[in-house]
Amino acid sequence: MKSLIKYFANTKSGIFLRNITNIKPVYLKTFDTKVPISISDAFAWRTDNGFKTKFKYSDILELFYNIKNTWVEIHIFSKNNILLKKEKILDLKSSNEFTITKDYLEGIEDYGVFYIYHFSKEKFSGENIISNRCYLGYSKDNNLYSFVHGNTLAKYTNINPKNSYKSDMVKMSFFKDQIYHIQKYFENFDKNELFFSNPTSKTINFSLENKNYILKEGCSVIIETSEKNIIVKSNCYFLRPTVFSYKNNYIDVHHS
């Protein structure tokens, strides 16, 4: 009986039941797959207000598994989850850079998220799951970059390309009962912004400073805040914004 209960508790229906009842909830998807998986964060990009975004990443498949003939694809989405560009990069090195500017996006001055996937046609064990957390740098008005690594696991695909991409790694609660207190005192800054992205295929409802927000599948929003202490309430188990803090001509970008 115990083994049957354990089996059901880890099925899709069982996890849904655990999460809506808040009994041993599951925050992130666990994998039991027979195919190799490449996981991507929902990486935040900005070209608004003088920003440009630099992305540093490694060729994980060659670096750690000695697999040759690898490539990556970078899929860039708008804040409304519209695919803007798909970049395929074949000539990989151990360390690589990719920069998103308004010129690269043909004049778009806005923000959104992008995903990176690693591919190879060589045989690769189905037990292997890779995730390139990478580093993002944000420069405003051509000043020095402020770097931060990936923030939220979001989508995944087969390393042997199948043109199929899945999400919902981050799990949802039935009620808006998840409370996230950002561990920072937001005083003595000229301005603070919170970059939220939805890593799921569901609609996220959250509140901040007594205001309610709706974030649809794959969408993003930047919220300027004047609060010293920030508490986020949502129906998502891992809604963690990226923080942009401004002081004179300097910016500090970090996880919340």
Protein backbone atom coordinates (compact mmCIF):
# COMPACT_ATOMS: atom_id res chain seq x y z
CA MET A 1 0.00 0.00 0.00
CA LYS A 2 2.81 2.42 0.88
CA SER A 3 4.51 1.82 -2.45
CA LEU A 4 1.22 2.44 -4.28
CA ILE A 5 0.67 5.72 -2.41
CA LYS A 6 4.25 6.77 -3.15
CA TYR A 7 3.78 5.97 -6.83
CA PHE A 8 0.56 8.00 -7.07
CA ALA A 9 2.05 10.90 -5.09
CA ASN A 10 4.70 11.35 -7.77
CA THR A 11 2.39 11.16 -10.78
CA LYS A 12 1.18 14.32 -12.52
CA SER A 13 -2.22 14.02 -10.80
CA GLY A 14 -0.62 13.27 -7.46
CA ILE A 15 1.69 16.29 -7.64
CA PHE A 16 -1.28 18.50 -8.57
CA LEU A 17 -3.19 17.22 -5.54
CA ARG A 18 -0.21 17.75 -3.24
CA ASN A 19 0.22 21.31 -4.46
CA ILE A 20 -3.42 22.41 -4.15
CA THR A 21 -3.61 20.96 -0.64
CA ASN A 22 -0.12 22.21 0.27
CA ILE A 23 0.79 18.75 1.61
CA LYS A 24 4.45 18.14 0.80
CA PRO A 25 4.20 20.31 -2.34
CA VAL A 26 6.56 19.93 -5.28
CA TYR A 27 8.27 23.17 -6.27
CA LEU A 28 10.29 22.04 -9.28
CA LYS A 29 9.83 19.26 -11.82
CA THR A 30 11.85 16.11 -11.30
CA PHE A 31 12.88 14.12 -14.35
CA ASP A 32 12.57 10.45 -15.07
CA THR A 33 13.41 10.42 -18.73
CA LYS A 34 14.99 8.07 -21.24
CA VAL A 35 16.21 10.89 -23.47
CA PRO A 36 18.99 13.45 -22.79
CA ILE A 37 17.64 16.86 -21.80
CA SER A 38 18.92 20.40 -22.23
CA ILE A 39 17.32 22.81 -19.74
CA SER A 40 17.25 26.59 -20.12
CA ASP A 41 16.53 29.40 -17.73
CA ALA A 42 14.21 32.23 -18.70
CA PHE A 43 17.03 34.73 -19.18
CA ALA A 44 16.02 38.39 -18.97
CA TRP A 45 17.11 40.71 -21.78
CA ARG A 46 16.76 44.50 -21.99
CA THR A 47 17.28 47.05 -24.75
CA ASP A 48 15.00 49.71 -23.21
CA ASN A 49 16.25 52.98 -21.71
CA GLY A 50 19.80 52.62 -23.03
CA PHE A 51 20.29 49.01 -21.94
CA LYS A 52 22.13 46.26 -23.76
CA THR A 53 22.47 42.65 -22.60
CA LYS A 54 25.59 40.50 -22.82
CA PHE A 55 25.29 36.72 -22.46
CA LYS A 56 28.29 34.53 -21.55
CA TYR A 57 27.98 30.75 -21.91
CA SER A 58 30.05 27.59 -22.29
CA ASP A 59 29.94 24.64 -24.67
CA ILE A 60 28.86 22.24 -21.92
CA LEU A 61 28.62 19.14 -24.12
CA GLU A 62 32.22 19.38 -25.27
CA LEU A 63 33.62 20.78 -22.04
CA PHE A 64 32.20 18.11 -19.73
CA TYR A 65 31.31 15.19 -22.03
CA ASN A 66 33.88 15.58 -24.84
CA ILE A 67 31.09 15.54 -27.44
CA LYS A 68 31.99 17.16 -30.75
CA ASN A 69 29.84 18.74 -33.45
CA THR A 70 27.66 20.63 -30.97
CA TRP A 71 25.67 23.79 -31.44
CA VAL A 72 23.29 26.01 -29.53
CA GLU A 73 20.07 27.79 -30.36
CA ILE A 74 19.02 31.02 -28.66
CA HIS A 75 15.29 31.82 -28.83
CA ILE A 76 14.45 35.44 -28.05
CA PHE A 77 10.90 36.33 -26.97
CA SER A 78 9.21 39.65 -26.34
CA LYS A 79 7.64 40.57 -23.00
CA ASN A 80 4.35 39.31 -24.50
CA ASN A 81 5.82 35.90 -25.35
CA ILE A 82 6.17 36.58 -29.09
CA LEU A 83 9.17 34.94 -30.77
CA LEU A 84 11.39 37.73 -32.11
CA LYS A 85 14.49 35.86 -33.24
CA LYS A 86 15.99 32.39 -33.31
CA GLU A 87 19.78 32.32 -33.50
CA LYS A 88 21.67 29.11 -34.33
CA ILE A 89 25.37 29.23 -33.35
CA LEU A 90 27.58 26.51 -34.81
CA ASP A 91 31.12 27.71 -34.21
CA LEU A 92 31.31 27.17 -30.47
CA LYS A 93 34.33 27.68 -28.24
CA SER A 94 34.87 26.76 -24.61
CA SER A 95 33.71 30.28 -23.68
CA ASN A 96 31.25 32.27 -25.83
CA GLU A 97 29.53 35.66 -25.82
CA PHE A 98 26.28 36.86 -27.35
CA THR A 99 25.04 40.46 -27.14
CA ILE A 100 21.47 41.70 -27.54
CA THR A 101 21.15 45.36 -28.53
CA LYS A 102 18.37 47.40 -30.09
CA ASP A 103 20.27 47.27 -33.40
CA TYR A 104 20.42 43.47 -33.25
CA LEU A 105 16.64 43.47 -32.69
CA GLU A 106 16.14 45.86 -35.60
CA GLY A 107 15.34 48.91 -33.49
CA ILE A 108 13.30 47.27 -30.72
CA GLU A 109 13.77 49.06 -27.40
CA ASP A 110 12.00 46.81 -24.93
CA TYR A 111 12.55 43.72 -22.78
CA GLY A 112 11.65 40.04 -22.58
CA VAL A 113 13.29 36.65 -22.05
CA PHE A 114 15.39 34.26 -24.08
CA TYR A 115 16.26 30.58 -23.83
CA ILE A 116 19.42 28.66 -24.78
CA TYR A 117 19.43 25.00 -25.83
CA HIS A 118 22.42 22.74 -26.46
CA PHE A 119 22.24 20.22 -29.29
CA SER A 120 24.21 17.37 -30.79
CA LYS A 121 23.38 14.55 -33.21
CA GLU A 122 25.78 12.19 -31.46
CA LYS A 123 24.44 9.51 -29.14
CA PHE A 124 24.11 10.70 -25.58
CA SER A 125 22.93 8.86 -22.49
CA GLY A 126 19.28 9.44 -21.58
CA GLU A 127 20.28 9.74 -17.94
CA ASN A 128 22.13 13.00 -18.61
CA ILE A 129 20.40 16.32 -17.99
CA ILE A 130 22.35 19.52 -18.56
CA SER A 131 21.53 23.08 -17.56
CA ASN A 132 23.62 26.06 -18.65
CA ARG A 133 22.92 28.67 -15.96
CA CYS A 134 25.34 31.08 -17.68
CA TYR A 135 26.03 34.73 -16.90
CA LEU A 136 24.15 37.83 -18.01
CA GLY A 137 25.61 41.32 -18.07
CA TYR A 138 23.54 44.50 -18.21
CA SER A 139 25.03 47.79 -19.37
CA LYS A 140 23.11 51.07 -19.31
CA ASP A 141 24.28 53.97 -21.48
CA ASN A 142 27.50 52.06 -22.28
CA ASN A 143 28.64 51.97 -18.66
CA LEU A 144 30.24 48.91 -17.06
CA TYR A 145 28.24 45.68 -17.10
CA SER A 146 26.65 44.30 -13.95
CA PHE A 147 26.67 40.49 -14.14
CA VAL A 148 24.31 37.91 -12.68
CA HIS A 149 23.79 34.24 -13.49
CA GLY A 150 20.56 32.50 -14.56
CA ASN A 151 17.53 32.98 -12.33
CA THR A 152 14.65 30.62 -13.14
CA LEU A 153 14.62 27.17 -14.76
CA ALA A 154 11.95 27.39 -17.42
CA LYS A 155 12.07 25.20 -20.57
CA TYR A 156 13.70 22.01 -21.79
CA THR A 157 14.16 19.95 -24.93
CA ASN A 158 15.87 16.83 -26.28
CA ILE A 159 19.60 17.30 -26.88
CA ASN A 160 19.11 15.32 -30.08
CA PRO A 161 16.93 17.93 -31.84
CA LYS A 162 13.22 17.11 -32.09
CA ASN A 163 11.86 20.68 -32.38
CA SER A 164 9.76 20.15 -29.25
CA TYR A 165 10.04 22.42 -26.22
CA LYS A 166 8.34 21.93 -22.87
CA SER A 167 7.90 24.07 -19.77
CA ASP A 168 6.15 23.84 -16.38
CA MET A 169 9.30 22.89 -14.49
CA VAL A 170 8.23 25.39 -11.84
CA LYS A 171 5.00 24.27 -10.21
CA MET A 172 1.87 26.22 -9.33
CA SER A 173 -0.34 26.49 -6.27
CA PHE A 174 -4.12 26.48 -6.55
CA PHE A 175 -4.38 29.60 -4.36
CA LYS A 176 -2.35 32.80 -4.18
CA ASP A 177 -0.79 31.57 -0.96
CA GLN A 178 2.93 31.63 -1.75
CA ILE A 179 4.73 34.41 0.10
CA TYR A 180 8.19 35.51 -0.99
CA HIS A 181 10.02 38.11 1.08
CA ILE A 182 12.94 39.59 -0.86
CA GLN A 183 16.02 39.59 1.35
CA LYS A 184 17.08 43.15 0.69
CA TYR A 185 16.42 46.54 2.26
CA PHE A 186 15.60 48.82 -0.68
CA GLU A 187 16.58 52.12 0.90
CA ASN A 188 19.24 54.60 -0.26
CA PHE A 189 18.80 53.86 -3.96
CA ASP A 190 17.62 56.31 -6.60
CA LYS A 191 15.32 53.69 -8.10
CA ASN A 192 14.60 49.96 -7.93
CA GLU A 193 13.03 47.71 -10.57
CA LEU A 194 11.84 44.12 -10.33
CA PHE A 195 11.94 41.98 -13.48
CA PHE A 196 9.36 39.18 -13.27
CA SER A 197 9.06 36.40 -15.87
CA ASN A 198 6.57 33.55 -16.06
CA PRO A 199 8.44 30.23 -16.51
CA THR A 200 5.22 28.21 -16.86
CA SER A 201 2.45 27.61 -19.40
CA LYS A 202 -0.11 28.75 -16.83
CA THR A 203 -1.24 32.22 -15.73
CA ILE A 204 0.49 33.57 -12.65
CA ASN A 205 -1.42 35.87 -10.32
CA PHE A 206 0.67 37.89 -7.91
CA SER A 207 0.43 40.97 -5.76
CA LEU A 208 3.01 43.56 -4.80
CA GLU A 209 2.54 46.75 -2.76
CA ASN A 210 -1.23 46.11 -2.58
CA LYS A 211 -1.49 45.92 -6.38
CA ASN A 212 -2.55 42.83 -8.30
CA TYR A 213 -0.80 41.63 -11.46
CA ILE A 214 -1.48 38.93 -14.05
CA LEU A 215 1.42 37.35 -15.89
CA LYS A 216 0.43 35.06 -18.77
CA GLU A 217 2.43 32.17 -20.19
CA GLY A 218 6.03 33.13 -20.99
CA CYS A 219 5.39 36.84 -20.40
CA SER A 220 7.51 39.35 -18.51
CA VAL A 221 6.96 42.61 -16.65
CA ILE A 222 9.22 45.21 -15.06
CA ILE A 223 7.78 46.89 -11.96
CA GLU A 224 9.35 49.98 -10.41
CA THR A 225 9.10 49.99 -6.64
CA SER A 226 9.57 52.54 -3.90
CA GLU A 227 9.07 50.16 -0.97
CA LYS A 228 11.88 49.49 1.49
CA ASN A 229 10.72 45.95 2.23
CA ILE A 230 9.13 43.93 -0.55
CA ILE A 231 6.82 40.95 -0.17
CA VAL A 232 5.43 39.11 -3.20
CA LYS A 233 2.30 36.94 -2.92
CA SER A 234 1.53 34.59 -5.79
CA ASN A 235 0.17 31.23 -6.92
CA CYS A 236 3.62 30.20 -8.18
CA TYR A 237 6.07 28.21 -6.05
CA PHE A 238 9.13 29.97 -7.42
CA LEU A 239 8.39 33.51 -8.59
CA ARG A 240 11.77 35.13 -8.01
CA PRO A 241 12.37 38.48 -9.76
CA THR A 242 15.69 39.88 -10.93
CA VAL A 243 16.47 43.15 -9.15
CA PHE A 244 17.81 46.30 -10.84
CA SER A 245 18.97 48.92 -8.31
CA TYR A 246 20.13 52.35 -9.45
CA LYS A 247 22.49 54.76 -7.67
CA ASN A 248 23.83 57.80 -9.57
CA ASN A 249 25.39 56.38 -12.75
CA TYR A 250 25.71 52.84 -11.39
CA ILE A 251 23.38 49.86 -11.52
CA ASP A 252 23.47 46.68 -9.45
CA VAL A 253 21.69 43.66 -10.92
CA HIS A 254 21.19 40.57 -8.79
CA HIS A 255 18.81 37.81 -7.74
CA SER A 256 16.15 38.58 -5.20
